[in-house]
């Protein structure tokens, strides 16, 4: 099994995460978003190219007023920075048949590594997510994501990811 960019030959028709929004996205929308440069879609596949899990990344920003005051103090950002660069982990889903095997954690670690590399090249303060339900919130909290004030989004600073990957 490997994590690669989504390609036409990947079999995603039987993908079933038990969340219709995520299932329909990988089946019908992901390829179009990739073609339009709206996101990159990474898939975990088996030897036959069947999609077992996936996640997407795209550029985004975080409004300064949503960040916790203590983090803003640590960062010592000039007041002119109202929207801070971030990477959106837009979707992360595992096929129902493969849940409980650690694939979600494996995908998240892969996303962390890709985001750190991108951040080193273009600068990004954090990864943000839009958890789809309470179980997604619990998943992201377990890995250090923090609620973004005034929204349902969560984020994790790149500094935290660096510390997790390179303790």
N, C-alpha and C. Protein backbone atom coordinates (compact mmCIF):
# COMPACT_ATOMS: atom_id res chain seq x y z
N UNK A 1 0.84 -1.19 0.00
CA UNK A 1 0.00 0.00 0.00
C UNK A 1 0.88 1.24 0.00
N UNK A 2 0.39 2.25 -0.71
CA UNK A 2 1.13 3.50 -0.75
C UNK A 2 0.17 4.67 -0.89
N UNK A 3 0.64 5.85 -0.51
CA UNK A 3 -0.13 7.07 -0.66
C UNK A 3 0.42 7.79 -1.89
N UNK A 4 -0.46 8.03 -2.86
CA UNK A 4 -0.07 8.68 -4.11
C UNK A 4 -1.14 9.70 -4.50
N UNK A 5 -0.80 10.55 -5.45
CA UNK A 5 -1.79 11.48 -5.98
C UNK A 5 -2.86 10.70 -6.74
N UNK A 6 -4.09 11.15 -6.64
CA UNK A 6 -5.22 10.52 -7.34
C UNK A 6 -5.00 10.56 -8.84
N UNK A 7 -5.23 9.42 -9.50
CA UNK A 7 -5.15 9.33 -10.95
C UNK A 7 -6.38 8.60 -11.47
N UNK A 8 -6.62 8.71 -12.77
CA UNK A 8 -7.81 8.12 -13.39
C UNK A 8 -7.95 6.63 -13.11
N UNK A 9 -6.83 5.90 -13.11
CA UNK A 9 -6.90 4.45 -12.98
C UNK A 9 -7.28 3.97 -11.58
N UNK A 10 -7.27 4.86 -10.59
CA UNK A 10 -7.62 4.44 -9.23
C UNK A 10 -9.11 4.10 -9.14
N UNK A 11 -9.39 2.97 -8.55
CA UNK A 11 -10.78 2.49 -8.41
C UNK A 11 -11.38 3.06 -7.13
N UNK A 12 -12.35 3.94 -7.31
CA UNK A 12 -12.99 4.55 -6.14
C UNK A 12 -14.49 4.35 -6.11
N UNK A 13 -15.01 3.59 -7.07
CA UNK A 13 -16.46 3.39 -7.17
C UNK A 13 -17.07 2.71 -5.95
N UNK A 14 -16.35 1.82 -5.32
CA UNK A 14 -16.90 1.10 -4.17
C UNK A 14 -16.54 1.77 -2.84
N UNK A 15 -15.89 2.93 -2.89
CA UNK A 15 -15.47 3.61 -1.65
C UNK A 15 -16.69 3.94 -0.80
N UNK A 16 -16.64 3.54 0.48
CA UNK A 16 -17.76 3.78 1.39
C UNK A 16 -17.22 4.05 2.78
N UNK A 17 -17.21 5.32 3.15
CA UNK A 17 -16.74 5.71 4.49
C UNK A 17 -17.89 5.80 5.48
N UNK A 18 -19.10 5.59 5.00
CA UNK A 18 -20.35 5.76 5.74
C UNK A 18 -20.73 7.23 5.91
N UNK A 19 -20.01 8.12 5.22
CA UNK A 19 -20.35 9.54 5.19
C UNK A 19 -20.57 9.92 3.73
N UNK A 20 -21.84 9.99 3.29
CA UNK A 20 -22.13 10.21 1.87
C UNK A 20 -21.41 11.41 1.25
N UNK A 21 -21.27 12.49 1.97
CA UNK A 21 -20.58 13.67 1.44
C UNK A 21 -19.14 13.34 1.04
N UNK A 22 -18.45 12.60 1.88
CA UNK A 22 -17.06 12.22 1.60
C UNK A 22 -16.97 11.17 0.50
N UNK A 23 -17.94 10.27 0.46
CA UNK A 23 -17.97 9.23 -0.57
C UNK A 23 -18.23 9.83 -1.94
N UNK A 24 -19.21 10.71 -2.02
CA UNK A 24 -19.54 11.34 -3.31
C UNK A 24 -18.38 12.20 -3.79
N UNK A 25 -17.69 12.85 -2.88
CA UNK A 25 -16.58 13.70 -3.27
C UNK A 25 -15.50 12.88 -4.01
N UNK A 26 -15.05 11.78 -3.43
CA UNK A 26 -13.98 11.01 -4.06
C UNK A 26 -14.45 10.37 -5.36
N UNK A 27 -15.71 10.02 -5.44
CA UNK A 27 -16.24 9.37 -6.64
C UNK A 27 -16.51 10.34 -7.78
N UNK A 28 -16.99 11.55 -7.46
CA UNK A 28 -17.49 12.45 -8.51
C UNK A 28 -16.78 13.79 -8.64
N UNK A 29 -16.20 14.31 -7.55
CA UNK A 29 -15.71 15.68 -7.57
C UNK A 29 -14.19 15.81 -7.50
N UNK A 30 -13.52 14.87 -6.86
CA UNK A 30 -12.09 15.00 -6.60
C UNK A 30 -11.27 15.23 -7.87
N UNK A 31 -11.52 14.44 -8.91
CA UNK A 31 -10.75 14.59 -10.16
C UNK A 31 -10.93 15.97 -10.77
N UNK A 32 -12.15 16.48 -10.72
CA UNK A 32 -12.41 17.82 -11.27
C UNK A 32 -11.68 18.89 -10.47
N UNK A 33 -11.67 18.77 -9.15
CA UNK A 33 -10.97 19.75 -8.32
C UNK A 33 -9.47 19.72 -8.60
N UNK A 34 -8.92 18.53 -8.81
CA UNK A 34 -7.50 18.40 -9.12
C UNK A 34 -7.21 19.06 -10.47
N UNK A 35 -8.03 18.77 -11.47
CA UNK A 35 -7.83 19.36 -12.81
C UNK A 35 -7.90 20.88 -12.77
N UNK A 36 -8.75 21.42 -11.92
CA UNK A 36 -8.92 22.87 -11.81
C UNK A 36 -7.92 23.51 -10.86
N UNK A 37 -6.98 22.74 -10.33
CA UNK A 37 -5.98 23.22 -9.37
C UNK A 37 -6.60 23.79 -8.10
N UNK A 38 -7.73 23.22 -7.70
CA UNK A 38 -8.39 23.65 -6.47
C UNK A 38 -7.91 22.86 -5.26
N UNK A 39 -7.43 21.64 -5.51
CA UNK A 39 -6.89 20.83 -4.42
C UNK A 39 -5.99 19.74 -4.99
N UNK A 40 -5.21 19.16 -4.10
CA UNK A 40 -4.46 17.95 -4.42
C UNK A 40 -5.13 16.84 -3.62
N UNK A 41 -5.36 15.70 -4.26
CA UNK A 41 -6.02 14.58 -3.60
C UNK A 41 -5.04 13.42 -3.53
N UNK A 42 -4.77 12.97 -2.32
CA UNK A 42 -3.86 11.86 -2.08
C UNK A 42 -4.67 10.64 -1.66
N UNK A 43 -4.36 9.50 -2.26
CA UNK A 43 -5.11 8.28 -1.98
C UNK A 43 -4.19 7.19 -1.46
N UNK A 44 -4.70 6.41 -0.52
CA UNK A 44 -4.04 5.19 -0.06
C UNK A 44 -4.70 4.06 -0.83
N UNK A 45 -3.89 3.32 -1.58
CA UNK A 45 -4.45 2.28 -2.44
C UNK A 45 -3.86 0.91 -2.10
N UNK A 46 -4.60 -0.11 -2.50
CA UNK A 46 -4.05 -1.47 -2.38
C UNK A 46 -3.30 -1.80 -3.67
N UNK A 47 -2.86 -3.04 -3.81
CA UNK A 47 -2.07 -3.44 -4.97
C UNK A 47 -2.83 -3.37 -6.29
N UNK A 48 -4.15 -3.42 -6.23
CA UNK A 48 -4.96 -3.35 -7.45
C UNK A 48 -5.41 -1.92 -7.77
N UNK A 49 -4.99 -0.96 -6.98
CA UNK A 49 -5.36 0.43 -7.24
C UNK A 49 -6.70 0.84 -6.64
N UNK A 50 -7.25 0.01 -5.75
CA UNK A 50 -8.50 0.36 -5.08
C UNK A 50 -8.23 1.37 -3.98
N UNK A 51 -9.01 2.44 -3.93
CA UNK A 51 -8.85 3.48 -2.92
C UNK A 51 -9.38 2.98 -1.58
N UNK A 52 -8.48 2.96 -0.59
CA UNK A 52 -8.84 2.53 0.76
C UNK A 52 -9.11 3.74 1.67
N UNK A 53 -8.46 4.86 1.34
CA UNK A 53 -8.59 6.08 2.14
C UNK A 53 -8.05 7.24 1.30
N UNK A 54 -8.40 8.46 1.68
CA UNK A 54 -7.89 9.61 0.94
C UNK A 54 -7.91 10.87 1.79
N UNK A 55 -7.17 11.87 1.34
CA UNK A 55 -7.24 13.22 1.92
C UNK A 55 -6.94 14.24 0.84
N UNK A 56 -7.36 15.49 1.10
CA UNK A 56 -7.10 16.58 0.16
C UNK A 56 -6.38 17.72 0.86
N UNK A 57 -5.58 18.44 0.09
CA UNK A 57 -4.89 19.63 0.57
C UNK A 57 -5.11 20.77 -0.40
N UNK A 58 -5.25 21.97 0.13
CA UNK A 58 -5.34 23.18 -0.70
C UNK A 58 -4.88 24.37 0.14
N UNK A 59 -4.62 25.47 -0.54
CA UNK A 59 -4.20 26.67 0.19
C UNK A 59 -5.42 27.37 0.77
N UNK A 60 -5.18 28.11 1.85
CA UNK A 60 -6.27 28.79 2.53
C UNK A 60 -5.66 29.86 3.43
N UNK A 61 -6.46 30.43 4.30
CA UNK A 61 -5.95 31.39 5.28
C UNK A 61 -6.80 31.34 6.54
N UNK A 62 -6.22 31.86 7.60
CA UNK A 62 -6.89 31.93 8.90
C UNK A 62 -7.02 33.40 9.27
N UNK A 63 -8.22 33.85 9.62
CA UNK A 63 -8.33 35.24 10.09
C UNK A 63 -7.64 35.39 11.44
N UNK A 64 -6.88 36.44 11.57
CA UNK A 64 -6.10 36.70 12.79
C UNK A 64 -6.98 36.67 14.03
N UNK A 65 -8.18 37.23 13.95
CA UNK A 65 -9.02 37.33 15.14
C UNK A 65 -9.52 35.96 15.64
N UNK A 66 -9.37 34.91 14.85
CA UNK A 66 -9.78 33.58 15.29
C UNK A 66 -8.74 32.84 16.10
N UNK A 67 -7.51 33.35 16.09
CA UNK A 67 -6.42 32.66 16.79
C UNK A 67 -6.42 33.01 18.28
N UNK A 68 -6.07 32.04 19.12
CA UNK A 68 -5.98 32.32 20.55
C UNK A 68 -4.94 33.41 20.84
N UNK A 69 -5.25 34.26 21.77
CA UNK A 69 -4.39 35.40 22.13
C UNK A 69 -2.98 34.95 22.51
N UNK A 70 -2.87 33.84 23.26
CA UNK A 70 -1.55 33.35 23.68
C UNK A 70 -0.68 32.96 22.48
N UNK A 71 -1.30 32.40 21.44
CA UNK A 71 -0.54 32.04 20.24
C UNK A 71 -0.10 33.30 19.50
N UNK A 72 -0.98 34.27 19.40
CA UNK A 72 -0.62 35.53 18.74
C UNK A 72 0.56 36.20 19.45
N UNK A 73 0.55 36.14 20.77
CA UNK A 73 1.66 36.74 21.53
C UNK A 73 2.98 36.01 21.23
N UNK A 74 2.92 34.67 21.17
CA UNK A 74 4.12 33.89 20.88
C UNK A 74 4.66 34.21 19.49
N UNK A 75 3.75 34.36 18.53
CA UNK A 75 4.17 34.58 17.14
C UNK A 75 4.69 36.00 16.90
N UNK A 76 4.22 36.93 17.71
CA UNK A 76 4.62 38.34 17.59
C UNK A 76 4.49 38.84 16.15
N UNK A 77 3.30 38.65 15.60
CA UNK A 77 3.04 39.08 14.22
C UNK A 77 2.73 40.56 14.17
N UNK A 78 3.18 41.24 13.14
CA UNK A 78 2.81 42.65 12.97
C UNK A 78 1.28 42.77 12.82
N UNK A 79 0.70 43.84 13.31
CA UNK A 79 -0.76 44.01 13.25
C UNK A 79 -1.32 44.02 11.82
N UNK A 80 -0.49 44.30 10.85
CA UNK A 80 -0.97 44.36 9.46
C UNK A 80 -1.33 42.98 8.91
N UNK A 81 -0.91 41.91 9.56
CA UNK A 81 -1.24 40.55 9.10
C UNK A 81 -2.62 40.17 9.62
N UNK A 82 -3.64 40.41 8.80
CA UNK A 82 -5.01 40.11 9.20
C UNK A 82 -5.44 38.70 8.80
N UNK A 83 -4.96 38.22 7.65
CA UNK A 83 -5.23 36.86 7.18
C UNK A 83 -3.89 36.14 7.09
N UNK A 84 -3.80 35.04 7.81
CA UNK A 84 -2.53 34.33 7.92
C UNK A 84 -2.54 33.09 7.04
N UNK A 85 -1.44 32.82 6.34
CA UNK A 85 -1.41 31.70 5.41
C UNK A 85 -1.54 30.36 6.13
N UNK A 86 -2.32 29.47 5.51
CA UNK A 86 -2.56 28.14 6.08
C UNK A 86 -2.78 27.15 4.94
N UNK A 87 -2.73 25.89 5.29
CA UNK A 87 -3.04 24.82 4.35
C UNK A 87 -4.30 24.14 4.86
N UNK A 88 -5.26 23.96 3.96
CA UNK A 88 -6.52 23.32 4.32
C UNK A 88 -6.42 21.82 4.07
N UNK A 89 -6.59 21.05 5.13
CA UNK A 89 -6.79 19.61 5.00
C UNK A 89 -8.29 19.46 4.85
N UNK A 90 -8.74 19.48 3.58
CA UNK A 90 -10.17 19.62 3.30
C UNK A 90 -11.00 18.40 3.61
N UNK A 91 -10.49 17.24 3.30
CA UNK A 91 -11.23 16.01 3.52
C UNK A 91 -10.23 14.92 3.90
N UNK A 92 -10.67 14.05 4.79
CA UNK A 92 -9.89 12.87 5.14
C UNK A 92 -10.90 11.78 5.44
N UNK A 93 -10.82 10.67 4.69
CA UNK A 93 -11.81 9.60 4.87
C UNK A 93 -11.16 8.24 4.67
N UNK A 94 -11.68 7.26 5.42
CA UNK A 94 -11.21 5.88 5.33
C UNK A 94 -12.41 5.01 5.00
N UNK A 95 -12.24 4.09 4.06
CA UNK A 95 -13.30 3.16 3.70
C UNK A 95 -13.72 2.36 4.92
N UNK A 96 -15.01 2.17 5.08
CA UNK A 96 -15.59 1.48 6.24
C UNK A 96 -14.91 0.12 6.48
N UNK A 97 -14.61 -0.57 5.43
CA UNK A 97 -13.99 -1.90 5.51
C UNK A 97 -12.59 -1.85 6.14
N UNK A 98 -11.97 -0.67 6.15
CA UNK A 98 -10.59 -0.55 6.61
C UNK A 98 -10.44 0.34 7.85
N UNK A 99 -11.54 0.72 8.46
CA UNK A 99 -11.47 1.53 9.68
C UNK A 99 -10.90 0.70 10.82
N UNK A 100 -10.20 1.37 11.72
CA UNK A 100 -9.61 0.69 12.86
C UNK A 100 -8.24 0.09 12.59
N UNK A 101 -7.70 0.33 11.40
CA UNK A 101 -6.39 -0.22 11.04
C UNK A 101 -5.28 0.84 11.13
N UNK A 102 -5.62 2.03 11.59
CA UNK A 102 -4.62 3.09 11.71
C UNK A 102 -4.39 3.89 10.44
N UNK A 103 -5.24 3.71 9.43
CA UNK A 103 -5.06 4.41 8.17
C UNK A 103 -5.28 5.91 8.31
N UNK A 104 -6.22 6.32 9.18
CA UNK A 104 -6.47 7.74 9.39
C UNK A 104 -5.23 8.43 9.94
N UNK A 105 -4.62 7.82 10.94
CA UNK A 105 -3.39 8.36 11.52
C UNK A 105 -2.27 8.39 10.49
N UNK A 106 -2.16 7.32 9.70
CA UNK A 106 -1.15 7.22 8.65
C UNK A 106 -1.32 8.35 7.62
N UNK A 107 -2.57 8.60 7.21
CA UNK A 107 -2.85 9.69 6.27
C UNK A 107 -2.51 11.04 6.88
N UNK A 108 -2.89 11.24 8.14
CA UNK A 108 -2.64 12.52 8.80
C UNK A 108 -1.13 12.77 8.91
N UNK A 109 -0.37 11.75 9.24
CA UNK A 109 1.09 11.91 9.32
C UNK A 109 1.67 12.26 7.95
N UNK A 110 1.16 11.63 6.91
CA UNK A 110 1.61 11.93 5.56
C UNK A 110 1.27 13.38 5.19
N UNK A 111 0.07 13.80 5.54
CA UNK A 111 -0.35 15.19 5.28
C UNK A 111 0.55 16.16 6.05
N UNK A 112 0.84 15.86 7.31
CA UNK A 112 1.74 16.70 8.10
C UNK A 112 3.08 16.88 7.38
N UNK A 113 3.65 15.78 6.92
CA UNK A 113 4.95 15.85 6.25
C UNK A 113 4.88 16.67 4.97
N UNK A 114 3.84 16.47 4.17
CA UNK A 114 3.69 17.24 2.93
C UNK A 114 3.49 18.73 3.22
N UNK A 115 2.72 19.02 4.25
CA UNK A 115 2.46 20.42 4.61
C UNK A 115 3.72 21.10 5.14
N UNK A 116 4.54 20.38 5.89
CA UNK A 116 5.80 20.96 6.37
C UNK A 116 6.71 21.28 5.20
N UNK A 117 6.81 20.38 4.24
CA UNK A 117 7.63 20.65 3.06
C UNK A 117 7.12 21.87 2.31
N UNK A 118 5.82 21.94 2.12
CA UNK A 118 5.24 23.10 1.42
C UNK A 118 5.49 24.38 2.21
N UNK A 119 5.34 24.31 3.51
CA UNK A 119 5.54 25.47 4.36
C UNK A 119 6.97 25.98 4.31
N UNK A 120 7.91 25.07 4.17
CA UNK A 120 9.31 25.47 4.05
C UNK A 120 9.57 26.22 2.75
N UNK A 121 8.76 25.94 1.73
CA UNK A 121 8.93 26.57 0.42
C UNK A 121 8.15 27.87 0.27
N UNK A 122 6.92 27.91 0.79
CA UNK A 122 6.09 29.09 0.55
C UNK A 122 5.59 29.77 1.82
N UNK A 123 5.81 29.18 2.96
CA UNK A 123 5.36 29.78 4.21
C UNK A 123 3.89 29.50 4.49
N UNK A 124 3.63 28.93 5.62
CA UNK A 124 2.28 28.64 6.07
C UNK A 124 2.33 28.52 7.59
N UNK A 125 1.39 29.14 8.23
CA UNK A 125 1.37 29.17 9.69
C UNK A 125 0.82 27.89 10.30
N UNK A 126 -0.16 27.26 9.61
CA UNK A 126 -0.88 26.15 10.24
C UNK A 126 -1.60 25.30 9.19
N UNK A 127 -2.11 24.19 9.66
CA UNK A 127 -3.05 23.37 8.89
C UNK A 127 -4.41 23.60 9.52
N UNK A 128 -5.42 23.81 8.69
CA UNK A 128 -6.77 23.96 9.20
C UNK A 128 -7.65 22.83 8.66
N UNK A 129 -8.66 22.48 9.44
CA UNK A 129 -9.63 21.46 9.06
C UNK A 129 -11.03 21.95 9.37
N UNK A 130 -11.99 21.39 8.67
CA UNK A 130 -13.41 21.64 8.90
C UNK A 130 -14.04 20.30 9.30
N UNK A 131 -13.96 19.90 10.56
CA UNK A 131 -14.46 18.57 10.95
C UNK A 131 -15.94 18.41 10.58
N UNK A 132 -16.25 17.26 10.02
CA UNK A 132 -17.60 17.01 9.52
C UNK A 132 -18.59 16.60 10.61
N UNK A 133 -18.05 16.05 11.72
CA UNK A 133 -18.92 15.62 12.82
C UNK A 133 -18.11 15.51 14.12
N UNK A 134 -18.78 15.10 15.19
CA UNK A 134 -18.12 15.02 16.50
C UNK A 134 -16.98 14.01 16.53
N UNK A 135 -17.12 12.92 15.79
CA UNK A 135 -16.03 11.94 15.81
C UNK A 135 -14.81 12.49 15.09
N UNK A 136 -15.01 13.31 14.06
CA UNK A 136 -13.87 13.96 13.38
C UNK A 136 -13.22 14.97 14.32
N UNK A 137 -14.01 15.71 15.08
CA UNK A 137 -13.46 16.66 16.06
C UNK A 137 -12.58 15.91 17.06
N UNK A 138 -13.07 14.78 17.56
CA UNK A 138 -12.31 13.99 18.53
C UNK A 138 -11.01 13.47 17.91
N UNK A 139 -11.07 13.03 16.66
CA UNK A 139 -9.89 12.54 15.96
C UNK A 139 -8.83 13.64 15.88
N UNK A 140 -9.22 14.82 15.42
CA UNK A 140 -8.26 15.90 15.26
C UNK A 140 -7.73 16.40 16.60
N UNK A 141 -8.58 16.46 17.62
CA UNK A 141 -8.12 16.89 18.95
C UNK A 141 -7.04 15.96 19.47
N UNK A 142 -7.19 14.67 19.19
CA UNK A 142 -6.22 13.67 19.65
C UNK A 142 -4.82 13.96 19.11
N UNK A 143 -4.75 14.63 17.95
CA UNK A 143 -3.46 14.92 17.33
C UNK A 143 -3.03 16.37 17.49
N UNK A 144 -3.69 17.12 18.39
CA UNK A 144 -3.22 18.44 18.74
C UNK A 144 -3.91 19.61 18.07
N UNK A 145 -4.97 19.35 17.31
CA UNK A 145 -5.70 20.46 16.68
C UNK A 145 -6.47 21.24 17.75
N UNK A 146 -6.58 22.54 17.52
CA UNK A 146 -7.22 23.47 18.45
C UNK A 146 -8.41 24.11 17.75
N UNK A 147 -9.46 24.40 18.52
CA UNK A 147 -10.62 25.09 17.94
C UNK A 147 -10.25 26.49 17.51
N UNK A 148 -10.73 26.89 16.35
CA UNK A 148 -10.53 28.24 15.84
C UNK A 148 -11.73 29.07 16.30
N UNK A 149 -11.48 30.05 17.14
CA UNK A 149 -12.55 30.83 17.75
C UNK A 149 -13.49 31.41 16.69
N UNK A 150 -14.78 31.35 16.98
CA UNK A 150 -15.78 31.95 16.10
C UNK A 150 -16.11 31.12 14.87
N UNK A 151 -15.67 29.86 14.83
CA UNK A 151 -16.01 29.00 13.69
C UNK A 151 -15.98 27.55 14.14
N UNK A 152 -16.39 26.66 13.25
CA UNK A 152 -16.33 25.23 13.57
C UNK A 152 -14.99 24.62 13.14
N UNK A 153 -14.12 25.44 12.59
CA UNK A 153 -12.83 24.96 12.13
C UNK A 153 -11.87 24.71 13.29
N UNK A 154 -10.86 23.90 12.98
CA UNK A 154 -9.78 23.62 13.93
C UNK A 154 -8.47 23.84 13.19
N UNK A 155 -7.39 24.04 13.97
CA UNK A 155 -6.09 24.23 13.34
C UNK A 155 -4.99 23.65 14.21
N UNK A 156 -3.85 23.44 13.58
CA UNK A 156 -2.65 23.03 14.29
C UNK A 156 -1.49 23.82 13.70
N UNK A 157 -0.74 24.55 14.53
CA UNK A 157 0.38 25.34 14.02
C UNK A 157 1.49 24.45 13.44
N UNK A 158 2.18 24.96 12.42
CA UNK A 158 3.30 24.23 11.83
C UNK A 158 4.37 23.96 12.89
N UNK A 159 4.53 24.90 13.81
CA UNK A 159 5.52 24.72 14.87
C UNK A 159 5.21 23.45 15.68
N UNK A 160 3.95 23.23 15.97
CA UNK A 160 3.53 22.03 16.72
C UNK A 160 3.82 20.76 15.89
N UNK A 161 3.54 20.84 14.59
CA UNK A 161 3.78 19.68 13.73
C UNK A 161 5.27 19.37 13.68
N UNK A 162 6.09 20.40 13.57
CA UNK A 162 7.55 20.18 13.58
C UNK A 162 7.99 19.47 14.86
N UNK A 163 7.41 19.88 15.99
CA UNK A 163 7.76 19.26 17.26
C UNK A 163 7.28 17.82 17.34
N UNK A 164 6.14 17.52 16.71
CA UNK A 164 5.62 16.16 16.71
C UNK A 164 6.48 15.23 15.84
N UNK A 165 6.90 15.76 14.70
CA UNK A 165 7.66 14.94 13.75
C UNK A 165 9.13 14.85 14.13
N UNK A 166 9.69 15.95 14.64
CA UNK A 166 11.10 15.99 15.03
C UNK A 166 11.23 16.35 16.51
N UNK A 167 10.86 15.42 17.42
CA UNK A 167 10.87 15.77 18.85
C UNK A 167 12.25 16.10 19.39
